[in-house]
Amino acid sequence: MARPAALGISVTINSLADADLVLAELSYLETQNTIVDAEIKQAVDTLKTNAEKRLVVTVEGQTFTISDRIAKLTEVLEPWVQANIAEHLKGNARSIKLAHGTLGLRQQPLTISVPEKQEAEVLRKINTATQGFIQRIRNSLIQTFRGWGSASDFLSLKFGVNTKNIKAAYEAERLSKAKIESLGLIVREAFDAPEIKPAECVTAAD
């Protein structure tokens, strides 16, 4: 499909006919975009199909996807590293380099989190624990002022659980783990997680 030749670099519109010429070229350009996008998608789909055929590995006669095999090996290796790698580390080292990669421990920090879709319930418990503080603030917004309506006509206020401040209070021992958990929050203490880094194998693409 050839580009309409009626328009040059400089375009002037003086009539409906001129406007229609612009529409003609716009139609051509949008069609070209659609054609090229379709060709790109077809090429990508072909690449994906060919790649998926190669993303498998055979072990003792059984075929597994590479992602499934990685998951299986990691499932076996991680608990071993968690339980045993420390005795192989020297001094303050956090990892050990082997012929085919590196194994070690990576410190995960203390975290305090709100369970999914439970923030409203946590806020309700915080309101109870603070003797109705949240509700008192909310009630103050409906207080009316002579000639000015209520504070809620001018202000909006949304409460949220500040896990950063709760964590700081816990670390400073102003709040106990039991009290935090009683609010419905999740406390995950700092811990050492297994770290697995297989060596990179540089191979030429087929």
Foldseek 3Di string as FASTA:
>chain_A
DDADPPDDPDQDDDDPVSVVSVVSRVVVVVVVVVVVVVVVVVVVVVVVVVVQVVQWDADPRDIDGVVVVVVVVCVVVFVCLQPPVVVVDPDPDQWDADPFWIKGWDKDAKFKAAPPPCFVQLVVVVCVVVVNPVVVVVVQQQDQDVPPGGNVVPDDDDDTDDRVVVVVCVVVVVDDPVVSVVSVMDIDHMDIGMDTTTDDDDDDDD
